[in-house]
């Protein structure tokens, strides 16, 4: 038995996720691949990040490009390493497999270039120590006052 032919008329595209609000956001690295920058011809890593469950913007994808050979490369790579708790001195050359299926917390900003729709971008990566505390705050309910706990 052979598989039937694909019929695009029956294909239902996935629902587009809502853009996350500006602020802190936990993301999962869905893909990370080596590529070449169209602008400079330099090597780069192309990250596809998905907003994690339980947050506004859940399922929204954010793309980030780490391009080698520009003045921000080392500071951007250092920020990414710190966000994932990776020792940059032991791993001086980034490899896509180092980031796949890992979570980090980023600060989201909104940007709208002329002629394009508004999109969410990474303003900066939060260091792993900070991001774990932020992630806990994002996922835990606010502490409630205990009426039995009277200070006098």
N, C-alpha and C. Protein backbone atom coordinates (compact mmCIF):
# COMPACT_ATOMS: atom_id res chain seq x y z
N UNK A 1 0.85 -1.19 0.00
CA UNK A 1 0.00 0.00 0.00
C UNK A 1 0.89 1.24 0.00
N UNK A 2 0.58 2.21 -0.82
CA UNK A 2 1.35 3.45 -0.88
C UNK A 2 0.58 4.57 -0.18
N UNK A 3 1.33 5.53 0.24
CA UNK A 3 0.73 6.69 0.91
C UNK A 3 -0.03 7.53 -0.11
N UNK A 4 -1.16 8.13 0.30
CA UNK A 4 -1.90 8.98 -0.63
C UNK A 4 -1.15 10.28 -0.90
N UNK A 5 -1.49 10.89 -2.01
CA UNK A 5 -0.88 12.15 -2.42
C UNK A 5 -1.34 13.28 -1.48
N UNK A 6 -0.44 14.19 -1.18
CA UNK A 6 -0.74 15.36 -0.34
C UNK A 6 -1.73 16.27 -1.04
N UNK A 7 -2.75 16.71 -0.31
CA UNK A 7 -3.74 17.64 -0.85
C UNK A 7 -3.68 18.91 -0.02
N UNK A 8 -3.06 19.99 -0.55
CA UNK A 8 -2.94 21.23 0.22
C UNK A 8 -4.28 21.85 0.59
N UNK A 9 -5.36 21.52 -0.13
CA UNK A 9 -6.68 22.08 0.19
C UNK A 9 -7.21 21.55 1.52
N UNK A 10 -6.69 20.39 1.96
CA UNK A 10 -7.13 19.81 3.23
C UNK A 10 -6.20 20.13 4.39
N UNK A 11 -5.13 20.83 4.09
CA UNK A 11 -4.14 21.15 5.12
C UNK A 11 -4.60 22.36 5.91
N UNK A 12 -4.62 22.23 7.23
CA UNK A 12 -4.98 23.34 8.10
C UNK A 12 -3.71 23.87 8.74
N UNK A 13 -3.32 25.11 8.41
CA UNK A 13 -2.09 25.64 9.02
C UNK A 13 -2.27 25.82 10.53
N UNK A 14 -1.18 25.67 11.28
CA UNK A 14 -1.28 25.84 12.73
C UNK A 14 -1.67 27.27 13.08
N UNK A 15 -2.36 27.40 14.20
CA UNK A 15 -2.76 28.73 14.67
C UNK A 15 -1.52 29.53 15.04
N UNK A 16 -1.48 30.76 14.59
CA UNK A 16 -0.35 31.63 14.92
C UNK A 16 -0.48 32.08 16.37
N UNK A 17 0.57 31.87 17.14
CA UNK A 17 0.57 32.26 18.55
C UNK A 17 0.60 33.78 18.67
N UNK A 18 0.04 34.27 19.75
CA UNK A 18 0.07 35.70 20.03
C UNK A 18 1.48 36.12 20.45
N UNK A 19 1.87 37.32 20.10
CA UNK A 19 3.17 37.85 20.48
C UNK A 19 3.22 38.02 22.00
N UNK A 20 4.35 37.63 22.62
CA UNK A 20 4.46 37.83 24.07
C UNK A 20 4.59 39.31 24.39
N UNK A 21 4.19 39.72 25.58
CA UNK A 21 4.36 41.12 25.96
C UNK A 21 5.84 41.44 26.19
N UNK A 22 6.16 42.71 26.19
CA UNK A 22 7.53 43.10 26.52
C UNK A 22 7.80 42.74 27.97
N UNK A 23 9.02 42.30 28.23
CA UNK A 23 9.40 41.89 29.58
C UNK A 23 10.09 40.54 29.55
N UNK A 24 10.20 39.92 30.70
CA UNK A 24 10.90 38.64 30.81
C UNK A 24 10.04 37.51 30.27
N UNK A 25 10.72 36.57 29.62
CA UNK A 25 10.02 35.49 28.95
C UNK A 25 10.93 34.25 28.93
N UNK A 26 10.40 33.11 29.33
CA UNK A 26 11.16 31.86 29.28
C UNK A 26 10.97 31.24 27.90
N UNK A 27 12.09 30.83 27.28
CA UNK A 27 12.05 30.26 25.93
C UNK A 27 12.80 28.93 25.88
N UNK A 28 12.46 28.13 24.88
CA UNK A 28 13.10 26.86 24.61
C UNK A 28 13.74 26.95 23.23
N UNK A 29 15.00 26.50 23.10
CA UNK A 29 15.67 26.50 21.80
C UNK A 29 15.13 25.32 20.99
N UNK A 30 14.36 25.64 19.96
CA UNK A 30 13.76 24.64 19.08
C UNK A 30 14.77 24.19 18.03
N UNK A 31 15.52 25.15 17.50
CA UNK A 31 16.57 24.80 16.54
C UNK A 31 17.70 25.82 16.65
N UNK A 32 18.87 25.34 16.31
CA UNK A 32 20.05 26.18 16.25
C UNK A 32 20.91 25.59 15.15
N UNK A 33 21.17 26.38 14.13
CA UNK A 33 21.92 25.84 13.00
C UNK A 33 22.94 26.84 12.49
N UNK A 34 23.99 26.30 11.90
CA UNK A 34 25.00 27.14 11.28
C UNK A 34 24.47 27.65 9.96
N UNK A 35 24.78 28.90 9.65
CA UNK A 35 24.34 29.51 8.40
C UNK A 35 25.36 30.59 8.02
N UNK A 36 25.09 31.26 6.92
CA UNK A 36 25.94 32.35 6.46
C UNK A 36 25.10 33.61 6.37
N UNK A 37 25.60 34.70 6.93
CA UNK A 37 24.88 35.97 6.89
C UNK A 37 24.77 36.46 5.45
N UNK A 38 23.55 36.81 5.04
CA UNK A 38 23.33 37.34 3.69
C UNK A 38 23.97 38.72 3.53
N UNK A 39 24.00 39.50 4.62
CA UNK A 39 24.56 40.85 4.56
C UNK A 39 26.08 40.86 4.46
N UNK A 40 26.73 40.04 5.32
CA UNK A 40 28.19 40.13 5.43
C UNK A 40 28.93 38.93 4.86
N UNK A 41 28.24 37.82 4.67
CA UNK A 41 28.89 36.59 4.23
C UNK A 41 29.62 35.88 5.35
N UNK A 42 29.49 36.39 6.59
CA UNK A 42 30.16 35.79 7.74
C UNK A 42 29.37 34.60 8.28
N UNK A 43 30.06 33.67 8.94
CA UNK A 43 29.33 32.56 9.56
C UNK A 43 28.46 33.07 10.71
N UNK A 44 27.37 32.35 10.96
CA UNK A 44 26.48 32.73 12.05
C UNK A 44 25.75 31.51 12.56
N UNK A 45 25.16 31.65 13.74
CA UNK A 45 24.23 30.67 14.27
C UNK A 45 22.84 31.29 14.23
N UNK A 46 21.90 30.54 13.71
CA UNK A 46 20.51 30.98 13.63
C UNK A 46 19.71 30.21 14.68
N UNK A 47 19.19 30.94 15.67
CA UNK A 47 18.41 30.35 16.75
C UNK A 47 16.92 30.52 16.46
N UNK A 48 16.14 29.48 16.70
CA UNK A 48 14.68 29.57 16.71
C UNK A 48 14.25 29.21 18.14
N UNK A 49 13.62 30.17 18.81
CA UNK A 49 13.22 30.02 20.20
C UNK A 49 11.70 30.03 20.29
N UNK A 50 11.16 29.17 21.12
CA UNK A 50 9.71 29.13 21.32
C UNK A 50 9.37 29.54 22.74
N UNK A 51 8.41 30.44 22.89
CA UNK A 51 7.95 30.85 24.21
C UNK A 51 7.33 29.63 24.90
N UNK A 52 7.79 29.35 26.11
CA UNK A 52 7.38 28.16 26.86
C UNK A 52 5.92 28.22 27.31
N UNK A 53 5.40 27.06 27.64
CA UNK A 53 4.03 26.93 28.12
C UNK A 53 3.76 27.76 29.37
N UNK A 54 2.51 28.14 29.53
CA UNK A 54 2.07 28.81 30.74
C UNK A 54 2.37 30.30 30.79
N UNK A 55 2.76 30.89 29.65
CA UNK A 55 3.06 32.32 29.61
C UNK A 55 2.25 32.97 28.50
N UNK A 56 2.06 34.28 28.61
CA UNK A 56 1.46 34.99 27.49
C UNK A 56 2.40 34.84 26.30
N UNK A 57 1.84 34.55 25.15
CA UNK A 57 2.67 34.35 23.96
C UNK A 57 3.14 32.92 23.80
N UNK A 58 2.60 32.00 24.59
CA UNK A 58 3.00 30.59 24.52
C UNK A 58 2.95 30.11 23.07
N UNK A 59 4.04 29.49 22.62
CA UNK A 59 4.10 28.96 21.26
C UNK A 59 4.64 29.93 20.22
N UNK A 60 4.79 31.20 20.58
CA UNK A 60 5.33 32.21 19.64
C UNK A 60 6.81 31.92 19.42
N UNK A 61 7.28 32.08 18.19
CA UNK A 61 8.68 31.83 17.85
C UNK A 61 9.42 33.15 17.70
N UNK A 62 10.60 33.20 18.29
CA UNK A 62 11.48 34.36 18.18
C UNK A 62 12.79 33.88 17.57
N UNK A 63 13.28 34.62 16.58
CA UNK A 63 14.53 34.25 15.92
C UNK A 63 15.65 35.17 16.37
N UNK A 64 16.83 34.61 16.49
CA UNK A 64 18.01 35.38 16.89
C UNK A 64 19.19 34.90 16.05
N UNK A 65 19.98 35.86 15.57
CA UNK A 65 21.12 35.54 14.72
C UNK A 65 22.40 36.02 15.39
N UNK A 66 23.30 35.07 15.68
CA UNK A 66 24.60 35.39 16.26
C UNK A 66 25.60 35.38 15.12
N UNK A 67 25.98 36.58 14.65
CA UNK A 67 26.85 36.71 13.48
C UNK A 67 28.29 36.94 13.93
N UNK A 68 29.20 36.12 13.41
CA UNK A 68 30.62 36.27 13.72
C UNK A 68 31.19 37.44 12.93
N UNK A 69 32.26 38.02 13.47
CA UNK A 69 32.97 39.05 12.73
C UNK A 69 32.46 40.46 12.92
N UNK A 70 31.51 40.67 13.83
CA UNK A 70 31.11 42.06 14.09
C UNK A 70 31.53 42.43 15.51
N UNK A 71 31.44 43.70 15.82
CA UNK A 71 31.94 44.20 17.10
C UNK A 71 31.18 43.67 18.31
N UNK A 72 29.98 43.14 18.11
CA UNK A 72 29.15 42.66 19.22
C UNK A 72 29.24 41.16 19.43
N UNK A 73 29.99 40.46 18.59
CA UNK A 73 30.01 39.00 18.63
C UNK A 73 30.38 38.46 20.01
N UNK A 74 31.51 38.88 20.56
CA UNK A 74 31.96 38.32 21.84
C UNK A 74 30.99 38.63 22.98
N UNK A 75 30.47 39.86 23.02
CA UNK A 75 29.54 40.18 24.11
C UNK A 75 28.21 39.44 23.93
N UNK A 76 27.74 39.30 22.68
CA UNK A 76 26.51 38.53 22.45
C UNK A 76 26.70 37.07 22.81
N UNK A 77 27.81 36.48 22.37
CA UNK A 77 28.07 35.08 22.68
C UNK A 77 28.23 34.89 24.19
N UNK A 78 28.92 35.80 24.85
CA UNK A 78 29.07 35.72 26.29
C UNK A 78 27.72 35.76 27.00
N UNK A 79 26.82 36.63 26.54
CA UNK A 79 25.47 36.71 27.13
C UNK A 79 24.71 35.41 26.94
N UNK A 80 24.84 34.82 25.76
CA UNK A 80 24.15 33.55 25.49
C UNK A 80 24.72 32.44 26.36
N UNK A 81 26.06 32.39 26.44
CA UNK A 81 26.69 31.39 27.30
C UNK A 81 26.22 31.53 28.74
N UNK A 82 26.18 32.75 29.26
CA UNK A 82 25.75 32.96 30.64
C UNK A 82 24.27 32.57 30.83
N UNK A 83 23.44 32.83 29.80
CA UNK A 83 22.02 32.49 29.89
C UNK A 83 21.80 30.98 30.02
N UNK A 84 22.69 30.21 29.42
CA UNK A 84 22.56 28.76 29.46
C UNK A 84 23.50 28.11 30.46
N UNK A 85 24.29 28.92 31.18
CA UNK A 85 25.22 28.37 32.15
C UNK A 85 26.37 27.62 31.50
N UNK A 86 26.80 28.05 30.33
CA UNK A 86 27.89 27.40 29.60
C UNK A 86 29.19 28.13 29.89
N UNK A 87 30.25 27.39 30.15
CA UNK A 87 31.57 27.96 30.40
C UNK A 87 32.22 28.29 29.06
N UNK A 88 32.32 29.58 28.75
CA UNK A 88 32.87 30.03 27.48
C UNK A 88 34.34 29.72 27.30
N UNK A 89 35.08 29.66 28.40
CA UNK A 89 36.51 29.36 28.29
C UNK A 89 36.72 27.89 27.92
N UNK A 90 35.85 27.02 28.39
CA UNK A 90 35.96 25.60 28.05
C UNK A 90 35.33 25.30 26.70
N UNK A 91 34.48 26.19 26.21
CA UNK A 91 33.77 26.01 24.94
C UNK A 91 33.92 27.27 24.09
N UNK A 92 35.15 27.58 23.62
CA UNK A 92 35.35 28.85 22.93
C UNK A 92 34.65 28.94 21.57
N UNK A 93 34.37 27.79 20.96
CA UNK A 93 33.69 27.80 19.66
C UNK A 93 32.27 27.27 19.86
N UNK A 94 31.26 28.11 19.62
CA UNK A 94 29.88 27.65 19.84
C UNK A 94 29.47 26.63 18.77
N UNK A 95 28.78 25.59 19.22
CA UNK A 95 28.25 24.58 18.31
C UNK A 95 26.74 24.49 18.54
N UNK A 96 25.97 24.33 17.47
CA UNK A 96 24.51 24.30 17.63
C UNK A 96 24.02 23.31 18.67
N UNK A 97 24.62 22.14 18.77
CA UNK A 97 24.14 21.11 19.69
C UNK A 97 24.22 21.56 21.16
N UNK A 98 25.06 22.56 21.44
CA UNK A 98 25.20 23.06 22.81
C UNK A 98 23.92 23.72 23.33
N UNK A 99 23.08 24.16 22.40
CA UNK A 99 21.91 24.97 22.77
C UNK A 99 20.58 24.26 22.58
N UNK A 100 20.55 23.22 21.75
CA UNK A 100 19.29 22.56 21.41
C UNK A 100 18.56 22.04 22.64
N UNK A 101 17.25 22.27 22.64
CA UNK A 101 16.35 21.78 23.70
C UNK A 101 16.70 22.30 25.09
N UNK A 102 17.35 23.45 25.16
CA UNK A 102 17.66 24.07 26.45
C UNK A 102 16.77 25.29 26.63
N UNK A 103 16.54 25.64 27.89
CA UNK A 103 15.68 26.79 28.20
C UNK A 103 16.53 27.93 28.77
N UNK A 104 16.05 29.13 28.51
CA UNK A 104 16.68 30.34 29.04
C UNK A 104 15.58 31.38 29.23
N UNK A 105 15.92 32.44 29.93
CA UNK A 105 14.99 33.57 30.08
C UNK A 105 15.60 34.75 29.36
N UNK A 106 14.77 35.41 28.56
CA UNK A 106 15.20 36.57 27.79
C UNK A 106 14.33 37.76 28.18
N UNK A 107 14.79 38.95 27.85
CA UNK A 107 13.97 40.15 27.97
C UNK A 107 13.48 40.45 26.56
N UNK A 108 12.17 40.48 26.39
CA UNK A 108 11.54 40.70 25.09
C UNK A 108 11.30 42.19 24.87
N UNK A 109 11.53 42.64 23.64
CA UNK A 109 11.13 43.98 23.22
C UNK A 109 10.34 43.83 21.93
N UNK A 110 9.51 44.80 21.63
CA UNK A 110 8.75 44.80 20.39
C UNK A 110 9.41 45.75 19.40
N UNK A 111 9.41 45.35 18.14
CA UNK A 111 10.04 46.15 17.10
C UNK A 111 9.17 46.10 15.85
N UNK A 112 9.10 47.24 15.18
CA UNK A 112 8.37 47.27 13.92
C UNK A 112 9.19 48.07 12.91
N UNK A 113 9.71 47.36 11.93
CA UNK A 113 10.45 48.01 10.86
C UNK A 113 9.45 48.48 9.81
N UNK A 114 9.77 49.58 9.09
CA UNK A 114 8.86 50.08 8.05
C UNK A 114 8.53 48.98 7.03
N UNK A 115 7.26 48.80 6.78
CA UNK A 115 6.82 47.82 5.80
C UNK A 115 6.67 46.40 6.34
N UNK A 116 6.91 46.20 7.63
CA UNK A 116 6.80 44.88 8.23
C UNK A 116 5.86 44.92 9.43
N UNK A 117 5.36 43.74 9.81
CA UNK A 117 4.53 43.64 11.01
C UNK A 117 5.39 43.77 12.25
N UNK A 118 4.76 44.21 13.33
CA UNK A 118 5.44 44.27 14.62
C UNK A 118 5.82 42.85 15.03
N UNK A 119 7.00 42.71 15.66
CA UNK A 119 7.45 41.39 16.10
C UNK A 119 8.16 41.52 17.44
N UNK A 120 8.29 40.38 18.10
CA UNK A 120 9.02 40.32 19.36
C UNK A 120 10.47 39.95 19.06
N UNK A 121 11.39 40.63 19.73
CA UNK A 121 12.82 40.36 19.58
C UNK A 121 13.45 40.23 20.95
N UNK A 122 14.69 39.74 20.95
CA UNK A 122 15.43 39.65 22.19
C UNK A 122 16.11 40.99 22.46
N UNK A 123 15.78 41.59 23.58
CA UNK A 123 16.49 42.80 24.01
C UNK A 123 17.80 42.38 24.65
N UNK A 124 17.74 41.38 25.54
CA UNK A 124 18.96 40.78 26.07
C UNK A 124 18.62 39.43 26.71
N UNK A 125 19.66 38.63 26.92
CA UNK A 125 19.57 37.33 27.57
C UNK A 125 19.86 37.53 29.05
N UNK A 126 19.05 36.93 29.93
CA UNK A 126 19.31 37.01 31.36
C UNK A 126 20.28 35.91 31.76
N UNK A 127 21.28 36.22 32.61
CA UNK A 127 22.20 35.18 33.07
C UNK A 127 21.42 34.07 33.78
N UNK A 128 21.94 32.84 33.69
CA UNK A 128 21.25 31.67 34.24
C UNK A 128 20.88 31.86 35.71
N UNK A 129 21.79 32.43 36.52
CA UNK A 129 21.48 32.63 37.93
C UNK A 129 20.25 33.52 38.10
N UNK A 130 20.22 34.63 37.35
CA UNK A 130 19.08 35.54 37.41
C UNK A 130 17.85 34.91 36.78
N UNK A 131 18.05 34.20 35.66
CA UNK A 131 16.90 33.68 34.92
C UNK A 131 16.17 32.60 35.70
N UNK A 132 16.88 31.81 36.49
CA UNK A 132 16.20 30.79 37.29
C UNK A 132 15.30 31.46 38.33
N UNK A 133 15.78 32.51 38.95
CA UNK A 133 14.97 33.23 39.93
C UNK A 133 13.76 33.86 39.24
N UNK A 134 13.97 34.44 38.09
CA UNK A 134 12.87 35.06 37.34
C UNK A 134 11.87 34.00 36.92
N UNK A 135 12.38 32.86 36.43
CA UNK A 135 11.48 31.79 35.99
C UNK A 135 10.63 31.29 37.14
N UNK A 136 11.22 31.16 38.31
CA UNK A 136 10.45 30.72 39.47
C UNK A 136 9.36 31.75 39.78
N UNK A 137 9.71 33.03 39.72
CA UNK A 137 8.72 34.08 39.99
C UNK A 137 7.60 34.04 38.96
N UNK A 138 7.96 33.76 37.70
CA UNK A 138 6.97 33.75 36.63
C UNK A 138 6.01 32.57 36.81
N UNK A 139 6.48 31.45 37.35
CA UNK A 139 5.68 30.23 37.43
C UNK A 139 5.05 29.98 38.78
N UNK A 140 5.49 30.69 39.81
CA UNK A 140 4.95 30.46 41.14
C UNK A 140 3.92 31.54 41.47
N UNK A 141 2.87 31.15 42.19
CA UNK A 141 1.91 32.18 42.60
C UNK A 141 2.54 33.13 43.61
N UNK A 142 2.01 34.32 43.65
CA UNK A 142 2.52 35.30 44.61
C UNK A 142 2.26 34.80 46.02
N UNK A 143 3.19 35.03 46.94
CA UNK A 143 2.99 34.56 48.31
C UNK A 143 1.77 35.25 48.92
N UNK A 144 1.01 34.47 49.67
CA UNK A 144 -0.19 34.98 50.33
C UNK A 144 0.11 35.20 51.80
N UNK A 145 -0.46 36.24 52.35
CA UNK A 145 -0.31 36.48 53.79
C UNK A 145 -1.10 35.41 54.54
N UNK A 146 -0.50 34.85 55.59
CA UNK A 146 -1.14 33.85 56.42
C UNK A 146 -1.87 34.57 57.55
N UNK A 147 -3.20 34.47 57.60
CA UNK A 147 -3.92 35.18 58.66
C UNK A 147 -3.58 34.66 60.06
N UNK A 148 -3.06 33.45 60.15
CA UNK A 148 -2.67 32.89 61.45
C UNK A 148 -1.30 33.42 61.91
N UNK A 149 -0.53 33.94 60.97
CA UNK A 149 0.83 34.41 61.27
C UNK A 149 0.77 35.88 61.65
N UNK A 150 0.51 36.16 62.92
CA UNK A 150 0.40 37.52 63.43
C UNK A 150 1.73 37.90 64.08
N UNK A 151 2.32 39.05 63.74
CA UNK A 151 3.64 39.39 64.25
C UNK A 151 3.66 39.79 65.72
N UNK A 152 2.57 39.80 66.43
CA UNK A 152 2.57 40.19 67.85
C UNK A 152 1.83 39.21 68.71
